[in-house]
C-alpha atoms as a PDB file:
ATOM      1  CA  UNK A   1       0.859 -18.831 -12.315  1.00  0.00           C
ATOM      2  CA  UNK A   2      -0.866 -20.655 -14.822  1.00  0.00           C
ATOM      3  CA  UNK A   3      -4.677 -21.140 -14.115  1.00  0.00           C
ATOM      4  CA  UNK A   4      -4.177 -25.292 -13.800  1.00  0.00           C
ATOM      5  CA  UNK A   5      -1.740 -24.546 -11.026  1.00  0.00           C
ATOM      6  CA  UNK A   6      -3.652 -21.897  -8.775  1.00  0.00           C
ATOM      7  CA  UNK A   7      -6.974 -24.630  -9.357  1.00  0.00           C
ATOM      8  CA  UNK A   8      -4.766 -27.307  -8.230  1.00  0.00           C
ATOM      9  CA  UNK A   9      -3.869 -25.093  -5.543  1.00  0.00           C
ATOM     10  CA  UNK A  10      -7.454 -23.973  -4.557  1.00  0.00           C
ATOM     11  CA  UNK A  11      -8.748 -27.511  -4.411  1.00  0.00           C
ATOM     12  CA  UNK A  12      -5.722 -28.628  -2.434  1.00  0.00           C
ATOM     13  CA  UNK A  13      -8.146 -29.070   0.751  1.00  0.00           C
ATOM     14  CA  UNK A  14     -11.214 -30.780  -0.351  1.00  0.00           C
ATOM     15  CA  UNK A  15     -14.600 -29.586   0.873  1.00  0.00           C
ATOM     16  CA  UNK A  16     -16.915 -32.056   2.143  1.00  0.00           C
ATOM     17  CA  UNK A  17     -21.161 -32.739   1.833  1.00  0.00           C
ATOM     18  CA  UNK A  18     -21.568 -29.907   4.678  1.00  0.00           C
ATOM     19  CA  UNK A  19     -19.501 -27.556   3.038  1.00  0.00           C
ATOM     20  CA  UNK A  20     -20.878 -28.265  -0.073  1.00  0.00           C
ATOM     21  CA  UNK A  21     -24.352 -27.494   1.598  1.00  0.00           C
ATOM     22  CA  UNK A  22     -23.349 -24.306   2.991  1.00  0.00           C
ATOM     23  CA  UNK A  23     -22.367 -23.311  -0.658  1.00  0.00           C
ATOM     24  CA  UNK A  24     -25.554 -24.217  -1.989  1.00  0.00           C
ATOM     25  CA  UNK A  25     -27.274 -22.199   0.666  1.00  0.00           C
ATOM     26  CA  UNK A  26     -25.196 -18.840   0.382  1.00  0.00           C
ATOM     27  CA  UNK A  27     -26.211 -19.149  -3.590  1.00  0.00           C
ATOM     28  CA  UNK A  28     -29.872 -19.433  -2.670  1.00  0.00           C
ATOM     29  CA  UNK A  29     -29.452 -16.162  -1.044  1.00  0.00           C
ATOM     30  CA  UNK A  30     -27.566 -14.483  -3.027  1.00  0.00           C
ATOM     31  CA  UNK A  31     -24.091 -14.464  -0.418  1.00  0.00           C
ATOM     32  CA  UNK A  32     -20.282 -15.014  -1.730  1.00  0.00           C
ATOM     33  CA  UNK A  33     -18.380 -17.138   0.688  1.00  0.00           C
ATOM     34  CA  UNK A  34     -14.751 -17.268   0.825  1.00  0.00           C
ATOM     35  CA  UNK A  35     -12.941 -20.012  -1.341  1.00  0.00           C
ATOM     36  CA  UNK A  36     -11.494 -23.671  -0.607  1.00  0.00           C
ATOM     37  CA  UNK A  37      -8.273 -22.150  -0.845  1.00  0.00           C
ATOM     38  CA  UNK A  38      -8.998 -19.456   1.571  1.00  0.00           C
ATOM     39  CA  UNK A  39     -11.049 -21.468   3.960  1.00  0.00           C
ATOM     40  CA  UNK A  40      -8.214 -24.135   4.449  1.00  0.00           C
ATOM     41  CA  UNK A  41      -6.021 -21.329   4.883  1.00  0.00           C
ATOM     42  CA  UNK A  42      -8.258 -20.050   8.098  1.00  0.00           C
ATOM     43  CA  UNK A  43      -8.691 -23.455   8.939  1.00  0.00           C
ATOM     44  CA  UNK A  44      -4.728 -23.597   9.235  1.00  0.00           C
ATOM     45  CA  UNK A  45      -4.460 -20.322  10.828  1.00  0.00           C
ATOM     46  CA  UNK A  46      -7.012 -21.101  13.664  1.00  0.00           C
ATOM     47  CA  UNK A  47      -4.914 -24.732  13.975  1.00  0.00           C
ATOM     48  CA  UNK A  48      -1.240 -22.878  14.432  1.00  0.00           C
ATOM     49  CA  UNK A  49      -2.454 -20.310  16.638  1.00  0.00           C
ATOM     50  CA  UNK A  50      -4.456 -22.967  18.889  1.00  0.00           C
ATOM     51  CA  UNK A  51      -7.531 -20.723  18.352  1.00  0.00           C
ATOM     52  CA  UNK A  52      -9.730 -20.738  21.705  1.00  0.00           C
ATOM     53  CA  UNK A  53     -11.675 -17.479  20.086  1.00  0.00           C
ATOM     54  CA  UNK A  54     -12.102 -15.928  16.943  1.00  0.00           C
ATOM     55  CA  UNK A  55     -14.009 -13.260  15.905  1.00  0.00           C
ATOM     56  CA  UNK A  56     -15.752 -13.600  12.224  1.00  0.00           C
ATOM     57  CA  UNK A  57     -17.323 -10.266  10.758  1.00  0.00           C
ATOM     58  CA  UNK A  58     -19.883 -11.647   8.066  1.00  0.00           C
ATOM     59  CA  UNK A  59     -21.383 -14.836   9.125  1.00  0.00           C
ATOM     60  CA  UNK A  60     -23.104 -15.640   5.736  1.00  0.00           C
ATOM     61  CA  UNK A  61     -24.417 -19.185   5.571  1.00  0.00           C
ATOM     62  CA  UNK A  62     -21.465 -20.393   7.841  1.00  0.00           C
ATOM     63  CA  UNK A  63     -18.950 -21.319   4.844  1.00  0.00           C
ATOM     64  CA  UNK A  64     -15.956 -19.222   6.459  1.00  0.00           C
ATOM     65  CA  UNK A  65     -17.653 -20.653  10.275  1.00  0.00           C
ATOM     66  CA  UNK A  66     -17.119 -23.921   9.232  1.00  0.00           C
ATOM     67  CA  UNK A  67     -13.332 -23.719   8.293  1.00  0.00           C
ATOM     68  CA  UNK A  68     -12.744 -21.858  11.174  1.00  0.00           C
ATOM     69  CA  UNK A  69     -14.210 -24.260  13.916  1.00  0.00           C
ATOM     70  CA  UNK A  70     -12.603 -27.212  12.415  1.00  0.00           C
ATOM     71  CA  UNK A  71      -8.948 -25.621  13.138  1.00  0.00           C
ATOM     72  CA  UNK A  72      -9.936 -24.630  16.393  1.00  0.00           C
ATOM     73  CA  UNK A  73      -9.654 -25.902  19.631  1.00  0.00           C
ATOM     74  CA  UNK A  74     -12.327 -28.363  20.387  1.00  0.00           C
ATOM     75  CA  UNK A  75     -13.315 -25.786  23.593  1.00  0.00           C
ATOM     76  CA  UNK A  76     -12.807 -22.822  21.223  1.00  0.00           C
ATOM     77  CA  UNK A  77     -16.001 -20.459  20.457  1.00  0.00           C
ATOM     78  CA  UNK A  78     -16.680 -18.411  17.658  1.00  0.00           C
ATOM     79  CA  UNK A  79     -18.160 -14.964  17.586  1.00  0.00           C
ATOM     80  CA  UNK A  80     -20.271 -14.221  14.325  1.00  0.00           C
ATOM     81  CA  UNK A  81     -21.168 -11.087  13.577  1.00  0.00           C
ATOM     82  CA  UNK A  82     -23.999 -10.398  10.548  1.00  0.00           C
ATOM     83  CA  UNK A  83     -26.389  -7.523  10.007  1.00  0.00           C
ATOM     84  CA  UNK A  84     -28.846 -10.699   8.366  1.00  0.00           C
ATOM     85  CA  UNK A  85     -30.664 -12.760  10.695  1.00  0.00           C
ATOM     86  CA  UNK A  86     -31.730 -15.184   8.007  1.00  0.00           C
ATOM     87  CA  UNK A  87     -28.277 -15.963   6.888  1.00  0.00           C
ATOM     88  CA  UNK A  88     -27.095 -16.552  10.216  1.00  0.00           C
ATOM     89  CA  UNK A  89     -29.811 -18.819  10.818  1.00  0.00           C
ATOM     90  CA  UNK A  90     -28.673 -20.838   8.013  1.00  0.00           C
ATOM     91  CA  UNK A  91     -25.154 -20.642   9.078  1.00  0.00           C
ATOM     92  CA  UNK A  92     -26.484 -22.327  12.670  1.00  0.00           C
ATOM     93  CA  UNK A  93     -27.892 -25.302  10.444  1.00  0.00           C
ATOM     94  CA  UNK A  94     -24.286 -25.569   8.436  1.00  0.00           C
ATOM     95  CA  UNK A  95     -22.588 -25.688  11.913  1.00  0.00           C
ATOM     96  CA  UNK A  96     -25.465 -28.383  13.190  1.00  0.00           C
ATOM     97  CA  UNK A  97     -25.069 -30.323  10.596  1.00  0.00           C
ATOM     98  CA  UNK A  98     -21.212 -30.185  11.053  1.00  0.00           C
ATOM     99  CA  UNK A  99     -21.672 -31.467  14.571  1.00  0.00           C
ATOM    100  CA  UNK A 100     -20.410 -28.655  16.440  1.00  0.00           C
ATOM    101  CA  UNK A 101     -22.547 -28.129  19.826  1.00  0.00           C
ATOM    102  CA  UNK A 102     -24.786 -24.815  19.905  1.00  0.00           C
ATOM    103  CA  UNK A 103     -21.937 -23.242  22.184  1.00  0.00           C
ATOM    104  CA  UNK A 104     -19.276 -23.567  19.752  1.00  0.00           C
ATOM    105  CA  UNK A 105     -20.232 -20.860  17.570  1.00  0.00           C
ATOM    106  CA  UNK A 106     -22.186 -17.602  19.256  1.00  0.00           C
ATOM    107  CA  UNK A 107     -24.158 -15.637  16.488  1.00  0.00           C
ATOM    108  CA  UNK A 108     -25.228 -12.356  17.143  1.00  0.00           C
ATOM    109  CA  UNK A 109     -26.763 -10.242  14.798  1.00  0.00           C
ATOM    110  CA  UNK A 110     -25.989  -6.168  14.182  1.00  0.00           C
ATOM    111  CA  UNK A 111     -23.524  -3.818  12.105  1.00  0.00           C
ATOM    112  CA  UNK A 112     -20.230  -4.771  12.780  1.00  0.00           C
ATOM    113  CA  UNK A 113     -19.397  -1.513  13.890  1.00  0.00           C
ATOM    114  CA  UNK A 114     -21.847  -1.617  16.142  1.00  0.00           C
ATOM    115  CA  UNK A 115     -21.202  -4.946  17.904  1.00  0.00           C
ATOM    116  CA  UNK A 116     -17.491  -4.876  18.006  1.00  0.00           C
ATOM    117  CA  UNK A 117     -17.135  -2.129  20.349  1.00  0.00           C
ATOM    118  CA  UNK A 118     -18.922  -4.245  23.014  1.00  0.00           C
ATOM    119  CA  UNK A 119     -16.609  -7.491  22.557  1.00  0.00           C
ATOM    120  CA  UNK A 120     -13.573  -7.901  24.972  1.00  0.00           C
ATOM    121  CA  UNK A 121     -10.170  -6.064  24.791  1.00  0.00           C
ATOM    122  CA  UNK A 122      -7.529  -8.548  24.046  1.00  0.00           C
ATOM    123  CA  UNK A 123      -9.230 -11.571  23.994  1.00  0.00           C
ATOM    124  CA  UNK A 124      -9.326 -12.956  20.933  1.00  0.00           C
ATOM    125  CA  UNK A 125      -6.578 -15.229  19.078  1.00  0.00           C
ATOM    126  CA  UNK A 126      -7.903 -14.617  15.505  1.00  0.00           C
ATOM    127  CA  UNK A 127     -10.454 -11.686  13.595  1.00  0.00           C
ATOM    128  CA  UNK A 128     -11.458 -12.422  10.245  1.00  0.00           C
ATOM    129  CA  UNK A 129     -13.323  -9.845   8.161  1.00  0.00           C
ATOM    130  CA  UNK A 130     -15.520 -10.055   5.335  1.00  0.00           C
ATOM    131  CA  UNK A 131     -18.430  -7.464   5.808  1.00  0.00           C
ATOM    132  CA  UNK A 132     -18.399  -4.464   4.154  1.00  0.00           C
ATOM    133  CA  UNK A 133     -15.305  -3.377   2.002  1.00  0.00           C
ATOM    134  CA  UNK A 134     -15.158   0.026   2.877  1.00  0.00           C
ATOM    135  CA  UNK A 135     -15.283  -0.181   6.667  1.00  0.00           C
ATOM    136  CA  UNK A 136     -12.305  -2.664   6.576  1.00  0.00           C
ATOM    137  CA  UNK A 137      -9.654   0.235   7.896  1.00  0.00           C
ATOM    138  CA  UNK A 138     -12.343   0.435  10.780  1.00  0.00           C
ATOM    139  CA  UNK A 139     -12.207  -3.149  11.312  1.00  0.00           C
ATOM    140  CA  UNK A 140      -8.350  -3.386  11.871  1.00  0.00           C
ATOM    141  CA  UNK A 141      -8.495  -0.699  14.326  1.00  0.00           C
ATOM    142  CA  UNK A 142     -11.161  -2.665  15.726  1.00  0.00           C
ATOM    143  CA  UNK A 143      -9.006  -5.946  15.715  1.00  0.00           C
ATOM    144  CA  UNK A 144      -5.908  -4.269  17.025  1.00  0.00           C
ATOM    145  CA  UNK A 145      -8.173  -3.474  20.461  1.00  0.00           C
ATOM    146  CA  UNK A 146      -9.812  -7.249  19.945  1.00  0.00           C
ATOM    147  CA  UNK A 147      -6.662  -9.509  19.624  1.00  0.00           C
ATOM    148  CA  UNK A 148      -4.025 -10.706  22.425  1.00  0.00           C
ATOM    149  CA  UNK A 149      -0.668 -10.119  21.250  1.00  0.00           C
ATOM    150  CA  UNK A 150       0.763 -12.519  18.812  1.00  0.00           C
ATOM    151  CA  UNK A 151      -3.086 -12.813  17.588  1.00  0.00           C
ATOM    152  CA  UNK A 152      -4.011 -12.623  13.637  1.00  0.00           C
ATOM    153  CA  UNK A 153      -6.693 -10.385  12.070  1.00  0.00           C
ATOM    154  CA  UNK A 154      -7.397 -12.174   8.490  1.00  0.00           C
ATOM    155  CA  UNK A 155      -9.087  -9.740   5.503  1.00  0.00           C
ATOM    156  CA  UNK A 156     -10.865 -11.895   2.839  1.00  0.00           C
ATOM    157  CA  UNK A 157     -11.205 -10.331  -1.018  1.00  0.00           C
ATOM    158  CA  UNK A 158      -7.906  -8.230  -0.408  1.00  0.00           C
ATOM    159  CA  UNK A 159      -7.268  -8.323  -4.227  1.00  0.00           C
ATOM    160  CA  UNK A 160     -10.451  -7.518  -4.898  1.00  0.00           C
ATOM    161  CA  UNK A 161     -11.723  -9.261  -8.217  1.00  0.00           C
ATOM    162  CA  UNK A 162      -7.872  -8.379  -9.688  1.00  0.00           C
ATOM    163  CA  UNK A 163      -8.976  -4.661  -9.311  1.00  0.00           C
ATOM    164  CA  UNK A 164      -6.644  -3.566  -5.800  1.00  0.00           C
ATOM    165  CA  UNK A 165      -3.373  -4.005  -8.167  1.00  0.00           C
ATOM    166  CA  UNK A 166      -4.657  -1.555 -11.145  1.00  0.00           C
ATOM    167  CA  UNK A 167      -4.420   1.948  -9.860  1.00  0.00           C
ATOM    168  CA  UNK A 168      -6.651   2.562 -12.864  1.00  0.00           C
ATOM    169  CA  UNK A 169      -9.281   1.317 -10.554  1.00  0.00           C
ATOM    170  CA  UNK A 170     -10.427   3.732  -8.289  1.00  0.00           C
ATOM    171  CA  UNK A 171     -14.087   2.879  -6.885  1.00  0.00           C
ATOM    172  CA  UNK A 172     -14.934   3.554  -3.159  1.00  0.00           C
ATOM    173  CA  UNK A 173     -14.455  -0.472  -2.623  1.00  0.00           C
ATOM    174  CA  UNK A 174     -11.301  -0.485  -4.185  1.00  0.00           C
ATOM    175  CA  UNK A 175      -9.787   2.349  -2.828  1.00  0.00           C
ATOM    176  CA  UNK A 176     -10.993   1.016   0.305  1.00  0.00           C
ATOM    177  CA  UNK A 177      -8.947  -2.358   0.215  1.00  0.00           C
ATOM    178  CA  UNK A 178      -6.183  -0.187  -1.578  1.00  0.00           C
ATOM    179  CA  UNK A 179      -5.536   1.749   1.192  1.00  0.00           C
ATOM    180  CA  UNK A 180      -5.823  -1.043   4.016  1.00  0.00           C
ATOM    181  CA  UNK A 181      -3.243  -3.241   2.253  1.00  0.00           C
ATOM    182  CA  UNK A 182      -1.191   0.180   2.560  1.00  0.00           C
ATOM    183  CA  UNK A 183      -1.836   1.031   6.482  1.00  0.00           C
ATOM    184  CA  UNK A 184      -0.914  -3.155   6.890  1.00  0.00           C
ATOM    185  CA  UNK A 185       2.425  -2.910   5.794  1.00  0.00           C
ATOM    186  CA  UNK A 186       3.406   0.244   7.143  1.00  0.00           C
ATOM    187  CA  UNK A 187       1.962  -0.470  10.305  1.00  0.00           C
ATOM    188  CA  UNK A 188       5.025  -1.348  12.868  1.00  0.00           C
ATOM    189  CA  UNK A 189       2.860  -3.348  14.828  1.00  0.00           C
ATOM    190  CA  UNK A 190       2.412  -5.939  13.068  1.00  0.00           C
ATOM    191  CA  UNK A 191       3.859  -8.422  10.355  1.00  0.00           C
ATOM    192  CA  UNK A 192       1.849  -8.831   7.460  1.00  0.00           C
ATOM    193  CA  UNK A 193       1.566 -11.354   4.340  1.00  0.00           C
ATOM    194  CA  UNK A 194      -0.972 -10.915   1.361  1.00  0.00           C
ATOM    195  CA  UNK A 195      -1.951 -14.932  -0.415  1.00  0.00           C
ATOM    196  CA  UNK A 196      -3.146 -14.610  -3.459  1.00  0.00           C
ATOM    197  CA  UNK A 197      -5.635 -17.668  -2.096  1.00  0.00           C
ATOM    198  CA  UNK A 198      -9.273 -17.027  -3.853  1.00  0.00           C
ATOM    199  CA  UNK A 199      -9.952 -13.053  -3.722  1.00  0.00           C
ATOM    200  CA  UNK A 200      -6.669 -13.026  -1.441  1.00  0.00           C
ATOM    201  CA  UNK A 201      -6.496 -13.048   2.177  1.00  0.00           C
ATOM    202  CA  UNK A 202      -4.251 -10.454   3.750  1.00  0.00           C
ATOM    203  CA  UNK A 203      -2.679 -11.542   6.926  1.00  0.00           C
ATOM    204  CA  UNK A 204      -1.442  -9.451   9.930  1.00  0.00           C
ATOM    205  CA  UNK A 205      -0.204 -10.854  12.866  1.00  0.00           C
ATOM    206  CA  UNK A 206      -0.170  -8.446  15.654  1.00  0.00           C
ATOM    207  CA  UNK A 207       3.233  -8.109  17.831  1.00  0.00           C
ATOM    208  CA  UNK A 208       4.309  -8.625  21.226  1.00  0.00           C
ATOM    209  CA  UNK A 209       5.388  -5.044  21.753  1.00  0.00           C
ATOM    210  CA  UNK A 210       3.502  -2.637  23.895  1.00  0.00           C
ATOM    211  CA  UNK A 211       3.485  -0.226  20.951  1.00  0.00           C
ATOM    212  CA  UNK A 212       1.144  -2.742  18.488  1.00  0.00           C
ATOM    213  CA  UNK A 213      -1.965  -1.481  19.149  1.00  0.00           C
END
């Protein structure tokens, strides 16, 4: 894809002032949020799933959370997990500016692999992962437990700055993401897709079969 076409696709769904403000906060605190193309994909997924319950790993300053909330049902609740309480405070500010009621977003401070086991099995429509890349395989295991049949897990940075497709790149994070992609593609209970939006968005739908988890 030519750069002009990629940019056109990334910017196809325009961001508003609320998202721009959330991105500005992210830059101030050194957070790299999902791109606009990936965010639009998340909103589309949440809308297509008619999502009522979503888990997000990596709150940041609320950019991806805003996209998710805008796609979810009006009574849907986003449960978002981050180890940085200050980032979550900024995310709540973003959600308030967007007009979402406080009960629509449940922020939980803590390490994802400490928090996720406390969440309810089979309760969630969508799990979005944008945390520690070295933990992505563990996030997949937790997501398969948390998702209802037919639910979707999504991983940001699935191309990891063009490193995943290059077999010569063997750093820990790149290998972890590459291994995740292989595990998802080979899982009999998942229907998978890798979208070349932003830095790559890996999607997997949990099948209705009892063997899906």
